[in-house]
């Protein structure tokens, strides 16, 4: 058994240390907001925060989490920045199909926590690894700007 902290709660997980964090979150803890996309850390759909840093949970073995705090889409709204990003997404109707949006929101929240007033270049750099098959990139950028202003 391994103890991990997710969204402020300590969980004992039975998964092997090499099991990707994504599968522990979804299958063992029932936190299904974090999605599976590509499985090779290229699409960003599985993005979560580990000590506030956006990481791809599909490639992070649960055994490497240690004492660091994991935040998922289910918990990001309890942070000031995460709540602002979620509100901006709703205010501007950023979502189209929605599949990639948990990862988009997590990446945007990490960006704004590190850089509260990003310009277009900073937004593009931070979000470049998060793919959206519906092409809502313009709305995502506007959502980030809206959250930064709020």
C-alpha atoms as a PDB file:
ATOM      1  CA  UNK A   1       0.000   0.000   0.000  1.00  0.00           C
ATOM      2  CA  UNK A   2       1.145   3.484  -0.860  1.00  0.00           C
ATOM      3  CA  UNK A   3      -0.261   6.710   0.570  1.00  0.00           C
ATOM      4  CA  UNK A   4      -0.890   9.607  -1.810  1.00  0.00           C
ATOM      5  CA  UNK A   5      -2.611  12.924  -1.242  1.00  0.00           C
ATOM      6  CA  UNK A   6      -5.190  13.806  -3.881  1.00  0.00           C
ATOM      7  CA  UNK A   7      -7.333  16.929  -3.665  1.00  0.00           C
ATOM      8  CA  UNK A   8      -6.361  17.367  -0.038  1.00  0.00           C
ATOM      9  CA  UNK A   9      -7.326  13.847   1.034  1.00  0.00           C
ATOM     10  CA  UNK A  10      -4.914  11.022   1.840  1.00  0.00           C
ATOM     11  CA  UNK A  11      -5.606   7.740   0.071  1.00  0.00           C
ATOM     12  CA  UNK A  12      -4.018   4.336   0.531  1.00  0.00           C
ATOM     13  CA  UNK A  13      -3.581   2.822  -2.915  1.00  0.00           C
ATOM     14  CA  UNK A  14      -2.835  -0.805  -3.688  1.00  0.00           C
ATOM     15  CA  UNK A  15      -1.506  -0.293  -7.221  1.00  0.00           C
ATOM     16  CA  UNK A  16       2.078  -1.201  -8.030  1.00  0.00           C
ATOM     17  CA  UNK A  17       4.547   1.691  -7.899  1.00  0.00           C
ATOM     18  CA  UNK A  18       5.008   1.619 -11.688  1.00  0.00           C
ATOM     19  CA  UNK A  19       1.261   2.027 -12.392  1.00  0.00           C
ATOM     20  CA  UNK A  20       0.578   5.355 -14.094  1.00  0.00           C
ATOM     21  CA  UNK A  21      -1.037   7.895 -11.792  1.00  0.00           C
ATOM     22  CA  UNK A  22      -3.859   8.276 -14.347  1.00  0.00           C
ATOM     23  CA  UNK A  23      -5.059   4.719 -13.788  1.00  0.00           C
ATOM     24  CA  UNK A  24      -4.801   5.000 -10.011  1.00  0.00           C
ATOM     25  CA  UNK A  25      -6.922   8.154 -10.108  1.00  0.00           C
ATOM     26  CA  UNK A  26      -9.539   6.693 -12.439  1.00  0.00           C
ATOM     27  CA  UNK A  27      -9.676   3.009 -11.531  1.00  0.00           C
ATOM     28  CA  UNK A  28      -8.707   2.907  -7.894  1.00  0.00           C
ATOM     29  CA  UNK A  29      -9.951   6.266  -6.596  1.00  0.00           C
ATOM     30  CA  UNK A  30     -12.902   6.734  -8.953  1.00  0.00           C
ATOM     31  CA  UNK A  31     -11.798  10.227 -10.005  1.00  0.00           C
ATOM     32  CA  UNK A  32     -12.756   9.915 -13.657  1.00  0.00           C
ATOM     33  CA  UNK A  33     -12.553  13.604 -14.592  1.00  0.00           C
ATOM     34  CA  UNK A  34      -8.939  13.084 -15.652  1.00  0.00           C
ATOM     35  CA  UNK A  35      -9.150  11.477 -19.087  1.00  0.00           C
ATOM     36  CA  UNK A  36      -7.045   9.067 -21.101  1.00  0.00           C
ATOM     37  CA  UNK A  37      -5.998  10.429 -24.469  1.00  0.00           C
ATOM     38  CA  UNK A  38      -2.843   9.222 -26.140  1.00  0.00           C
ATOM     39  CA  UNK A  39      -1.029   7.403 -23.331  1.00  0.00           C
ATOM     40  CA  UNK A  40       2.341   8.885 -24.333  1.00  0.00           C
ATOM     41  CA  UNK A  41       2.119  12.355 -22.718  1.00  0.00           C
ATOM     42  CA  UNK A  42       1.588  14.148 -26.036  1.00  0.00           C
ATOM     43  CA  UNK A  43      -2.044  15.324 -25.918  1.00  0.00           C
ATOM     44  CA  UNK A  44      -2.451  16.806 -22.417  1.00  0.00           C
ATOM     45  CA  UNK A  45      -5.865  15.277 -21.732  1.00  0.00           C
ATOM     46  CA  UNK A  46      -4.554  13.574 -18.584  1.00  0.00           C
ATOM     47  CA  UNK A  47      -3.009  16.724 -17.070  1.00  0.00           C
ATOM     48  CA  UNK A  48      -3.100  17.027 -13.284  1.00  0.00           C
ATOM     49  CA  UNK A  49      -1.096  19.145 -10.845  1.00  0.00           C
ATOM     50  CA  UNK A  50       1.621  17.693  -8.668  1.00  0.00           C
ATOM     51  CA  UNK A  51       2.596  20.323  -6.114  1.00  0.00           C
ATOM     52  CA  UNK A  52       1.037  22.908  -8.424  1.00  0.00           C
ATOM     53  CA  UNK A  53       2.965  21.878 -11.530  1.00  0.00           C
ATOM     54  CA  UNK A  54       1.049  20.568 -14.543  1.00  0.00           C
ATOM     55  CA  UNK A  55       2.111  16.982 -15.305  1.00  0.00           C
ATOM     56  CA  UNK A  56       0.895  14.219 -17.600  1.00  0.00           C
ATOM     57  CA  UNK A  57      -0.566  11.563 -15.336  1.00  0.00           C
ATOM     58  CA  UNK A  58      -0.468   8.883 -18.048  1.00  0.00           C
ATOM     59  CA  UNK A  59       3.327   8.756 -17.810  1.00  0.00           C
ATOM     60  CA  UNK A  60       3.879   9.474 -14.119  1.00  0.00           C
ATOM     61  CA  UNK A  61       4.260   6.301 -12.067  1.00  0.00           C
ATOM     62  CA  UNK A  62       2.265   6.535  -8.839  1.00  0.00           C
ATOM     63  CA  UNK A  63       5.376   5.455  -6.945  1.00  0.00           C
ATOM     64  CA  UNK A  64       7.103   8.727  -7.875  1.00  0.00           C
ATOM     65  CA  UNK A  65       4.398  10.928  -6.336  1.00  0.00           C
ATOM     66  CA  UNK A  66       5.647  10.444  -2.780  1.00  0.00           C
ATOM     67  CA  UNK A  67       4.554  13.172  -0.370  1.00  0.00           C
ATOM     68  CA  UNK A  68       3.683  15.659  -3.111  1.00  0.00           C
ATOM     69  CA  UNK A  69       0.088  16.869  -3.401  1.00  0.00           C
ATOM     70  CA  UNK A  70      -1.916  15.832  -6.457  1.00  0.00           C
ATOM     71  CA  UNK A  71      -4.770  18.035  -7.665  1.00  0.00           C
ATOM     72  CA  UNK A  72      -7.220  16.783 -10.283  1.00  0.00           C
ATOM     73  CA  UNK A  73     -10.005  18.496 -12.181  1.00  0.00           C
ATOM     74  CA  UNK A  74     -12.326  17.443  -9.358  1.00  0.00           C
ATOM     75  CA  UNK A  75     -10.282  19.479  -6.869  1.00  0.00           C
ATOM     76  CA  UNK A  76      -8.898  22.413  -8.859  1.00  0.00           C
ATOM     77  CA  UNK A  77     -12.044  24.480  -8.260  1.00  0.00           C
ATOM     78  CA  UNK A  78     -11.203  24.649  -4.569  1.00  0.00           C
ATOM     79  CA  UNK A  79      -8.166  26.778  -5.429  1.00  0.00           C
ATOM     80  CA  UNK A  80      -8.592  30.477  -6.170  1.00  0.00           C
ATOM     81  CA  UNK A  81      -6.990  30.266  -9.597  1.00  0.00           C
ATOM     82  CA  UNK A  82      -8.750  27.025 -10.507  1.00  0.00           C
ATOM     83  CA  UNK A  83     -12.136  28.481  -9.589  1.00  0.00           C
ATOM     84  CA  UNK A  84     -11.432  31.555 -11.741  1.00  0.00           C
ATOM     85  CA  UNK A  85     -10.480  29.371 -14.695  1.00  0.00           C
ATOM     86  CA  UNK A  86     -13.578  27.194 -14.346  1.00  0.00           C
ATOM     87  CA  UNK A  87     -15.800  30.289 -14.110  1.00  0.00           C
ATOM     88  CA  UNK A  88     -14.141  31.821 -17.174  1.00  0.00           C
ATOM     89  CA  UNK A  89     -14.735  28.592 -19.115  1.00  0.00           C
ATOM     90  CA  UNK A  90     -18.431  28.793 -18.229  1.00  0.00           C
ATOM     91  CA  UNK A  91     -18.742  32.548 -18.782  1.00  0.00           C
ATOM     92  CA  UNK A  92     -17.225  32.333 -22.276  1.00  0.00           C
ATOM     93  CA  UNK A  93     -18.628  28.908 -23.179  1.00  0.00           C
ATOM     94  CA  UNK A  94     -15.154  27.663 -24.036  1.00  0.00           C
ATOM     95  CA  UNK A  95     -16.124  23.995 -24.182  1.00  0.00           C
ATOM     96  CA  UNK A  96     -17.260  22.348 -27.382  1.00  0.00           C
ATOM     97  CA  UNK A  97     -17.192  18.536 -27.066  1.00  0.00           C
ATOM     98  CA  UNK A  98     -15.453  18.800 -23.691  1.00  0.00           C
ATOM     99  CA  UNK A  99     -13.213  15.736 -23.779  1.00  0.00           C
ATOM    100  CA  UNK A 100      -9.935  17.658 -23.604  1.00  0.00           C
ATOM    101  CA  UNK A 101     -11.189  20.373 -21.298  1.00  0.00           C
ATOM    102  CA  UNK A 102     -10.136  18.866 -17.938  1.00  0.00           C
ATOM    103  CA  UNK A 103      -6.549  18.883 -19.210  1.00  0.00           C
ATOM    104  CA  UNK A 104      -6.954  22.348 -20.721  1.00  0.00           C
ATOM    105  CA  UNK A 105      -8.310  23.740 -17.441  1.00  0.00           C
ATOM    106  CA  UNK A 106      -5.532  22.119 -15.422  1.00  0.00           C
ATOM    107  CA  UNK A 107      -2.838  23.515 -17.738  1.00  0.00           C
ATOM    108  CA  UNK A 108      -4.462  26.968 -17.697  1.00  0.00           C
ATOM    109  CA  UNK A 109      -4.702  26.988 -13.894  1.00  0.00           C
ATOM    110  CA  UNK A 110      -1.029  26.019 -13.556  1.00  0.00           C
ATOM    111  CA  UNK A 111      -0.087  28.778 -16.006  1.00  0.00           C
ATOM    112  CA  UNK A 112      -2.052  31.446 -14.127  1.00  0.00           C
ATOM    113  CA  UNK A 113      -0.714  30.310 -10.764  1.00  0.00           C
ATOM    114  CA  UNK A 114       2.829  30.806 -12.085  1.00  0.00           C
ATOM    115  CA  UNK A 115       2.106  33.844 -14.285  1.00  0.00           C
ATOM    116  CA  UNK A 116      -1.009  35.812 -13.272  1.00  0.00           C
ATOM    117  CA  UNK A 117      -0.913  38.052 -16.369  1.00  0.00           C
ATOM    118  CA  UNK A 118       0.349  36.019 -19.323  1.00  0.00           C
ATOM    119  CA  UNK A 119       0.603  37.477 -22.807  1.00  0.00           C
ATOM    120  CA  UNK A 120      -0.352  35.512 -25.922  1.00  0.00           C
ATOM    121  CA  UNK A 121       3.143  34.035 -26.263  1.00  0.00           C
ATOM    122  CA  UNK A 122       3.142  32.777 -22.668  1.00  0.00           C
ATOM    123  CA  UNK A 123      -0.339  31.312 -23.117  1.00  0.00           C
ATOM    124  CA  UNK A 124       0.637  29.606 -26.370  1.00  0.00           C
ATOM    125  CA  UNK A 125       3.793  28.171 -24.816  1.00  0.00           C
ATOM    126  CA  UNK A 126       2.018  26.871 -21.729  1.00  0.00           C
ATOM    127  CA  UNK A 127      -0.892  25.393 -23.662  1.00  0.00           C
ATOM    128  CA  UNK A 128       1.041  24.054 -26.660  1.00  0.00           C
ATOM    129  CA  UNK A 129       1.042  20.477 -25.383  1.00  0.00           C
ATOM    130  CA  UNK A 130      -2.726  20.351 -24.901  1.00  0.00           C
ATOM    131  CA  UNK A 131      -4.552  19.275 -28.032  1.00  0.00           C
ATOM    132  CA  UNK A 132      -8.184  20.048 -28.836  1.00  0.00           C
ATOM    133  CA  UNK A 133      -9.728  18.079 -31.680  1.00  0.00           C
ATOM    134  CA  UNK A 134     -12.583  20.598 -31.895  1.00  0.00           C
ATOM    135  CA  UNK A 135     -10.171  23.502 -32.362  1.00  0.00           C
ATOM    136  CA  UNK A 136     -11.356  25.715 -29.491  1.00  0.00           C
ATOM    137  CA  UNK A 137      -7.898  27.242 -29.097  1.00  0.00           C
ATOM    138  CA  UNK A 138      -9.096  30.830 -29.589  1.00  0.00           C
ATOM    139  CA  UNK A 139     -11.785  30.368 -26.923  1.00  0.00           C
ATOM    140  CA  UNK A 140      -9.271  28.685 -24.603  1.00  0.00           C
ATOM    141  CA  UNK A 141      -6.901  31.658 -24.954  1.00  0.00           C
ATOM    142  CA  UNK A 142      -9.756  34.084 -24.296  1.00  0.00           C
ATOM    143  CA  UNK A 143     -10.813  32.016 -21.278  1.00  0.00           C
ATOM    144  CA  UNK A 144      -7.314  32.270 -19.834  1.00  0.00           C
ATOM    145  CA  UNK A 145      -7.255  36.040 -20.386  1.00  0.00           C
ATOM    146  CA  UNK A 146     -10.708  36.346 -18.795  1.00  0.00           C
ATOM    147  CA  UNK A 147      -9.588  34.327 -15.762  1.00  0.00           C
ATOM    148  CA  UNK A 148      -6.449  36.477 -15.454  1.00  0.00           C
ATOM    149  CA  UNK A 149      -8.546  39.659 -15.387  1.00  0.00           C
ATOM    150  CA  UNK A 150     -11.080  38.353 -12.866  1.00  0.00           C
END
